[in-house]
Amino acid sequence: MAKPEGREKLMTVAEVAALMRVSTMTVYRLIKARDLPAVRIGKSYRLREGDVDRYLASRYTQAG
């Protein structure tokens, strides 16, 4: 099923932490430092998949 136009998957802090292989506290620190944009829904945060991808791409460095 195709995603409606303009809609993007929202990820939990735990999902982002698992993807980045860091602790959830590290993700919260990135949100607080405004390095990683997040949306507050109730008492929890959600992060757009595209924002996470852009953050990772901007931090990517080639080894060697």
C-alpha atoms as a PDB file:
ATOM      1  CA  MET A   1       0.000   0.000   0.000  1.00  0.00           C
ATOM      2  CA  ALA A   2       1.413   3.381  -1.004  1.00  0.00           C
ATOM      3  CA  LYS A   3       1.897   6.117   1.546  1.00  0.00           C
ATOM      4  CA  PRO A   4      -0.358   9.153   1.085  1.00  0.00           C
ATOM      5  CA  GLU A   5       1.544  12.053  -0.425  1.00  0.00           C
ATOM      6  CA  GLY A   6       3.316  14.225   2.145  1.00  0.00           C
ATOM      7  CA  ARG A   7       3.158  11.534   4.820  1.00  0.00           C
ATOM      8  CA  GLU A   8       6.282  10.110   6.336  1.00  0.00           C
ATOM      9  CA  LYS A   9       6.813   7.287   8.801  1.00  0.00           C
ATOM     10  CA  LEU A  10       7.239   8.454  12.382  1.00  0.00           C
ATOM     11  CA  MET A  11       9.740   6.516  14.477  1.00  0.00           C
ATOM     12  CA  THR A  12       9.974   6.189  18.249  1.00  0.00           C
ATOM     13  CA  VAL A  13      13.109   7.129  20.162  1.00  0.00           C
ATOM     14  CA  ALA A  14      13.759   3.419  20.774  1.00  0.00           C
ATOM     15  CA  GLU A  15      13.499   2.635  17.038  1.00  0.00           C
ATOM     16  CA  VAL A  16      15.927   5.431  16.170  1.00  0.00           C
ATOM     17  CA  ALA A  17      18.336   4.310  18.894  1.00  0.00           C
ATOM     18  CA  ALA A  18      18.272   0.749  17.542  1.00  0.00           C
ATOM     19  CA  LEU A  19      18.816   1.987  13.982  1.00  0.00           C
ATOM     20  CA  MET A  20      21.764   4.167  15.031  1.00  0.00           C
ATOM     21  CA  ARG A  21      23.054   1.548  17.497  1.00  0.00           C
ATOM     22  CA  VAL A  22      23.180   4.037  20.355  1.00  0.00           C
ATOM     23  CA  SER A  23      21.306   4.341  23.633  1.00  0.00           C
ATOM     24  CA  THR A  24      17.929   6.038  23.881  1.00  0.00           C
ATOM     25  CA  MET A  25      19.583   8.672  26.096  1.00  0.00           C
ATOM     26  CA  THR A  26      21.885   9.595  23.193  1.00  0.00           C
ATOM     27  CA  VAL A  27      18.844  10.148  20.968  1.00  0.00           C
ATOM     28  CA  TYR A  28      17.216  12.323  23.662  1.00  0.00           C
ATOM     29  CA  ARG A  29      20.441  14.361  23.866  1.00  0.00           C
ATOM     30  CA  LEU A  30      20.436  14.865  20.089  1.00  0.00           C
ATOM     31  CA  ILE A  31      16.813  16.026  20.276  1.00  0.00           C
ATOM     32  CA  LYS A  32      17.552  18.419  23.150  1.00  0.00           C
ATOM     33  CA  ALA A  33      20.589  19.835  21.308  1.00  0.00           C
ATOM     34  CA  ARG A  34      18.326  20.299  18.246  1.00  0.00           C
ATOM     35  CA  ASP A  35      20.659  18.174  16.136  1.00  0.00           C
ATOM     36  CA  LEU A  36      17.775  15.820  15.409  1.00  0.00           C
ATOM     37  CA  PRO A  37      14.302  17.318  14.819  1.00  0.00           C
ATOM     38  CA  ALA A  38      11.475  15.638  16.727  1.00  0.00           C
ATOM     39  CA  VAL A  39       7.749  16.038  17.225  1.00  0.00           C
ATOM     40  CA  ARG A  40       6.276  15.796  20.705  1.00  0.00           C
ATOM     41  CA  ILE A  41       3.150  13.656  20.840  1.00  0.00           C
ATOM     42  CA  GLY A  42       1.733  13.516  24.339  1.00  0.00           C
ATOM     43  CA  LYS A  43       4.613  12.663  26.647  1.00  0.00           C
ATOM     44  CA  SER A  44       6.771  10.999  24.002  1.00  0.00           C
ATOM     45  CA  TYR A  45       8.789  12.063  20.973  1.00  0.00           C
ATOM     46  CA  ARG A  46       8.476  10.882  17.393  1.00  0.00           C
ATOM     47  CA  LEU A  47      11.077  11.430  14.702  1.00  0.00           C
ATOM     48  CA  ARG A  48      10.455  11.552  10.971  1.00  0.00           C
ATOM     49  CA  GLU A  49      12.263   8.813   9.076  1.00  0.00           C
ATOM     50  CA  GLY A  50      13.576  11.351   6.542  1.00  0.00           C
ATOM     51  CA  ASP A  51      15.030  13.561   9.291  1.00  0.00           C
ATOM     52  CA  VAL A  52      16.873  10.571  10.751  1.00  0.00           C
ATOM     53  CA  ASP A  53      18.191   9.621   7.287  1.00  0.00           C
ATOM     54  CA  ARG A  54      19.390  13.195   6.661  1.00  0.00           C
ATOM     55  CA  TYR A  55      21.095  13.335  10.066  1.00  0.00           C
ATOM     56  CA  LEU A  56      22.926  10.070   9.419  1.00  0.00           C
ATOM     57  CA  ALA A  57      23.920  11.144   5.891  1.00  0.00           C
ATOM     58  CA  SER A  58      25.327  14.428   7.195  1.00  0.00           C
ATOM     59  CA  ARG A  59      27.442  12.561   9.776  1.00  0.00           C
ATOM     60  CA  TYR A  60      28.707   9.916   7.343  1.00  0.00           C
ATOM     61  CA  THR A  61      32.455   9.809   6.781  1.00  0.00           C
ATOM     62  CA  GLN A  62      34.446   7.445   4.596  1.00  0.00           C
ATOM     63  CA  ALA A  63      36.985   5.366   6.541  1.00  0.00           C
ATOM     64  CA  GLY A  64      40.492   4.991   5.189  1.00  0.00           C
END
